[in-house]
Amino acid sequence: MQPPLVLGIHSGHNAGAALISGGRILAAVCEARLSRQKNITCYPARAIELCLRMGSVRASDLDAVALASRHTFGGGGAGLSET
């Protein structure tokens, strides 16, 4: 049995994403590295997409998504797209 595959998302100060499975970090990306905006506060869409690409997984492969945010995001699918 495969350990759960979890995508962690932080949309506050220094936004980013991480892909974790079985207690191991498979990928972690800070949005500032991709946007070239220091200390960015946003929904880290590019960091999410890169984490999924680095882990060779699609959004549908995830077992859970953990979101740390003070913001509410509209729209379905939390900004994840099939890759």
N, C-alpha and C. Protein backbone atom coordinates (compact mmCIF):
# COMPACT_ATOMS: atom_id res chain seq x y z
N MET A 1 0.84 -1.19 0.00
CA MET A 1 0.00 0.00 0.00
C MET A 1 0.88 1.25 0.00
N GLN A 2 0.58 2.17 -0.91
CA GLN A 2 1.34 3.40 -1.03
C GLN A 2 0.99 4.36 0.11
N PRO A 3 1.98 5.09 0.64
CA PRO A 3 1.65 6.12 1.64
C PRO A 3 0.88 7.25 0.98
N PRO A 4 0.05 7.97 1.74
CA PRO A 4 -0.73 9.06 1.16
C PRO A 4 0.17 10.12 0.52
N LEU A 5 -0.30 10.68 -0.57
CA LEU A 5 0.39 11.74 -1.28
C LEU A 5 -0.34 13.04 -0.96
N VAL A 6 0.36 13.98 -0.32
CA VAL A 6 -0.27 15.21 0.17
C VAL A 6 0.42 16.42 -0.44
N LEU A 7 -0.38 17.37 -0.88
CA LEU A 7 0.13 18.65 -1.35
C LEU A 7 -0.16 19.68 -0.27
N GLY A 8 0.88 20.31 0.26
CA GLY A 8 0.73 21.37 1.24
C GLY A 8 0.87 22.71 0.55
N ILE A 9 -0.04 23.63 0.86
CA ILE A 9 -0.06 24.95 0.22
C ILE A 9 -0.08 26.02 1.31
N HIS A 10 0.81 27.00 1.20
CA HIS A 10 0.81 28.16 2.10
C HIS A 10 0.63 29.39 1.23
N SER A 11 -0.44 30.15 1.47
CA SER A 11 -0.72 31.32 0.62
C SER A 11 -0.45 32.64 1.32
N GLY A 12 0.15 32.61 2.48
CA GLY A 12 0.45 33.84 3.20
C GLY A 12 1.81 34.39 2.82
N HIS A 13 2.43 35.09 3.76
CA HIS A 13 3.76 35.68 3.57
C HIS A 13 4.74 34.59 3.17
N ASN A 14 5.51 34.80 2.11
CA ASN A 14 6.43 33.80 1.57
C ASN A 14 5.68 32.54 1.13
N ALA A 15 4.69 32.73 0.28
CA ALA A 15 3.84 31.65 -0.22
C ALA A 15 4.65 30.55 -0.90
N GLY A 16 4.12 29.32 -0.82
CA GLY A 16 4.79 28.20 -1.45
C GLY A 16 3.98 26.93 -1.37
N ALA A 17 4.58 25.86 -1.85
CA ALA A 17 3.91 24.56 -1.85
C ALA A 17 4.92 23.46 -1.62
N ALA A 18 4.43 22.33 -1.12
CA ALA A 18 5.28 21.16 -0.89
C ALA A 18 4.49 19.90 -1.19
N LEU A 19 5.17 18.92 -1.73
CA LEU A 19 4.59 17.61 -2.02
C LEU A 19 5.22 16.62 -1.06
N ILE A 20 4.40 15.91 -0.29
CA ILE A 20 4.89 15.03 0.77
C ILE A 20 4.24 13.66 0.65
N SER A 21 5.02 12.61 0.89
CA SER A 21 4.50 11.25 0.89
C SER A 21 5.29 10.42 1.90
N GLY A 22 4.58 9.74 2.77
CA GLY A 22 5.22 8.88 3.75
C GLY A 22 6.18 9.62 4.67
N GLY A 23 5.88 10.88 4.96
CA GLY A 23 6.73 11.68 5.82
C GLY A 23 7.97 12.23 5.13
N ARG A 24 8.10 12.01 3.83
CA ARG A 24 9.24 12.50 3.06
C ARG A 24 8.83 13.66 2.17
N ILE A 25 9.66 14.68 2.10
CA ILE A 25 9.41 15.81 1.22
C ILE A 25 9.90 15.45 -0.17
N LEU A 26 8.97 15.38 -1.11
CA LEU A 26 9.31 15.04 -2.49
C LEU A 26 9.67 16.28 -3.30
N ALA A 27 9.03 17.40 -2.96
CA ALA A 27 9.29 18.68 -3.64
C ALA A 27 8.81 19.80 -2.74
N ALA A 28 9.51 20.92 -2.77
CA ALA A 28 9.10 22.12 -2.02
C ALA A 28 9.58 23.33 -2.81
N VAL A 29 8.66 24.26 -3.07
CA VAL A 29 8.99 25.41 -3.89
C VAL A 29 8.37 26.67 -3.28
N CYS A 30 9.18 27.71 -3.17
CA CYS A 30 8.70 29.02 -2.71
C CYS A 30 8.31 29.83 -3.95
N GLU A 31 7.13 30.41 -3.94
CA GLU A 31 6.63 31.18 -5.09
C GLU A 31 7.56 32.33 -5.45
N ALA A 32 8.24 32.89 -4.47
CA ALA A 32 9.16 34.01 -4.72
C ALA A 32 10.27 33.63 -5.70
N ARG A 33 10.69 32.37 -5.69
CA ARG A 33 11.73 31.92 -6.62
C ARG A 33 11.25 31.92 -8.06
N LEU A 34 9.94 31.78 -8.24
CA LEU A 34 9.37 31.73 -9.59
C LEU A 34 8.88 33.10 -10.07
N SER A 35 8.39 33.91 -9.13
CA SER A 35 7.86 35.23 -9.49
C SER A 35 8.92 36.32 -9.42
N ARG A 36 10.01 36.02 -8.73
CA ARG A 36 11.09 36.99 -8.50
C ARG A 36 10.60 38.20 -7.71
N GLN A 37 9.59 37.96 -6.84
CA GLN A 37 9.09 38.99 -5.93
C GLN A 37 9.34 38.51 -4.51
N LYS A 38 10.25 39.16 -3.83
CA LYS A 38 10.63 38.76 -2.49
C LYS A 38 9.44 38.90 -1.52
N ASN A 39 9.30 37.92 -0.62
CA ASN A 39 8.27 37.93 0.43
C ASN A 39 6.84 38.01 -0.12
N ILE A 40 6.60 37.39 -1.25
CA ILE A 40 5.30 37.48 -1.91
C ILE A 40 4.20 36.79 -1.08
N THR A 41 3.03 37.43 -1.06
CA THR A 41 1.83 36.87 -0.43
C THR A 41 0.81 36.67 -1.54
N CYS A 42 0.52 35.41 -1.88
CA CYS A 42 -0.39 35.12 -2.98
C CYS A 42 -0.81 33.65 -2.93
N TYR A 43 -1.68 33.28 -3.84
CA TYR A 43 -1.96 31.86 -4.05
C TYR A 43 -0.83 31.34 -4.93
N PRO A 44 -0.04 30.36 -4.47
CA PRO A 44 1.18 29.94 -5.16
C PRO A 44 0.94 28.96 -6.31
N ALA A 45 0.21 29.39 -7.32
CA ALA A 45 -0.15 28.51 -8.44
C ALA A 45 1.07 27.94 -9.15
N ARG A 46 2.08 28.78 -9.40
CA ARG A 46 3.27 28.29 -10.10
C ARG A 46 4.05 27.29 -9.25
N ALA A 47 4.13 27.54 -7.95
CA ALA A 47 4.82 26.61 -7.05
C ALA A 47 4.09 25.27 -7.00
N ILE A 48 2.77 25.30 -7.00
CA ILE A 48 1.97 24.08 -6.99
C ILE A 48 2.24 23.27 -8.26
N GLU A 49 2.14 23.93 -9.39
CA GLU A 49 2.35 23.24 -10.66
C GLU A 49 3.75 22.64 -10.74
N LEU A 50 4.77 23.37 -10.25
CA LEU A 50 6.13 22.85 -10.29
C LEU A 50 6.31 21.67 -9.34
N CYS A 51 5.72 21.72 -8.16
CA CYS A 51 5.79 20.59 -7.23
C CYS A 51 5.19 19.33 -7.86
N LEU A 52 4.04 19.48 -8.51
CA LEU A 52 3.41 18.34 -9.15
C LEU A 52 4.29 17.79 -10.27
N ARG A 53 4.87 18.70 -11.05
CA ARG A 53 5.77 18.27 -12.13
C ARG A 53 7.01 17.57 -11.57
N MET A 54 7.59 18.12 -10.51
CA MET A 54 8.79 17.52 -9.91
C MET A 54 8.50 16.13 -9.36
N GLY A 55 7.28 15.94 -8.84
CA GLY A 55 6.89 14.65 -8.30
C GLY A 55 6.31 13.71 -9.33
N SER A 56 6.22 14.16 -10.57
CA SER A 56 5.63 13.38 -11.67
C SER A 56 4.23 12.87 -11.32
N VAL A 57 3.41 13.77 -10.75
CA VAL A 57 2.04 13.41 -10.39
C VAL A 57 1.07 14.44 -10.96
N ARG A 58 -0.19 14.03 -11.07
CA ARG A 58 -1.28 14.92 -11.47
C ARG A 58 -2.09 15.26 -10.23
N ALA A 59 -2.87 16.31 -10.31
CA ALA A 59 -3.71 16.70 -9.19
C ALA A 59 -4.63 15.56 -8.76
N SER A 60 -5.10 14.79 -9.71
CA SER A 60 -6.00 13.67 -9.40
C SER A 60 -5.30 12.54 -8.64
N ASP A 61 -3.96 12.52 -8.63
CA ASP A 61 -3.21 11.51 -7.89
C ASP A 61 -3.11 11.81 -6.40
N LEU A 62 -3.42 13.05 -6.01
CA LEU A 62 -3.28 13.47 -4.61
C LEU A 62 -4.34 12.82 -3.73
N ASP A 63 -3.92 12.44 -2.53
CA ASP A 63 -4.85 11.90 -1.55
C ASP A 63 -5.44 13.00 -0.68
N ALA A 64 -4.69 14.10 -0.52
CA ALA A 64 -5.15 15.21 0.31
C ALA A 64 -4.42 16.48 -0.08
N VAL A 65 -5.07 17.61 0.22
CA VAL A 65 -4.45 18.92 0.06
C VAL A 65 -4.61 19.65 1.39
N ALA A 66 -3.49 20.15 1.91
CA ALA A 66 -3.52 20.91 3.17
C ALA A 66 -3.26 22.37 2.83
N LEU A 67 -4.20 23.24 3.19
CA LEU A 67 -4.10 24.66 2.86
C LEU A 67 -3.94 25.47 4.14
N ALA A 68 -2.85 26.22 4.23
CA ALA A 68 -2.63 27.14 5.34
C ALA A 68 -2.81 28.55 4.81
N SER A 69 -3.92 29.21 5.21
CA SER A 69 -4.22 30.52 4.66
C SER A 69 -5.21 31.26 5.54
N ARG A 70 -5.14 32.56 5.46
CA ARG A 70 -6.15 33.41 6.09
C ARG A 70 -7.13 33.92 5.04
N HIS A 71 -6.90 33.54 3.80
CA HIS A 71 -7.70 34.02 2.67
C HIS A 71 -8.70 32.95 2.23
N THR A 72 -9.76 33.40 1.56
CA THR A 72 -10.73 32.49 0.96
C THR A 72 -10.57 32.59 -0.55
N PHE A 73 -10.49 31.44 -1.21
CA PHE A 73 -10.33 31.42 -2.65
C PHE A 73 -11.60 30.92 -3.29
N GLY A 74 -12.05 31.61 -4.32
CA GLY A 74 -13.25 31.20 -5.04
C GLY A 74 -12.92 30.22 -6.15
N GLY A 75 -13.95 29.67 -6.73
CA GLY A 75 -13.76 28.74 -7.85
C GLY A 75 -13.52 27.33 -7.39
N GLY A 76 -13.83 26.39 -8.22
CA GLY A 76 -13.66 24.98 -7.88
C GLY A 76 -12.23 24.51 -8.12
N GLY A 77 -11.87 23.45 -7.47
CA GLY A 77 -10.59 22.80 -7.72
C GLY A 77 -9.39 23.47 -7.10
N ALA A 78 -9.58 24.51 -6.31
CA ALA A 78 -8.48 25.19 -5.61
C ALA A 78 -7.33 25.58 -6.53
N GLY A 79 -7.63 25.83 -7.79
CA GLY A 79 -6.60 26.28 -8.72
C GLY A 79 -5.73 25.17 -9.30
N LEU A 80 -6.06 23.93 -8.99
CA LEU A 80 -5.28 22.83 -9.51
C LEU A 80 -5.81 22.43 -10.88
N SER A 81 -4.91 22.10 -11.76
CA SER A 81 -5.32 21.66 -13.09
C SER A 81 -4.64 20.35 -13.41
N GLU A 82 -5.25 19.57 -14.27
CA GLU A 82 -4.63 18.31 -14.71
C GLU A 82 -3.41 18.62 -15.55
N THR A 83 -2.32 17.90 -15.32
CA THR A 83 -1.11 18.10 -16.12
C THR A 83 -0.77 16.84 -16.85
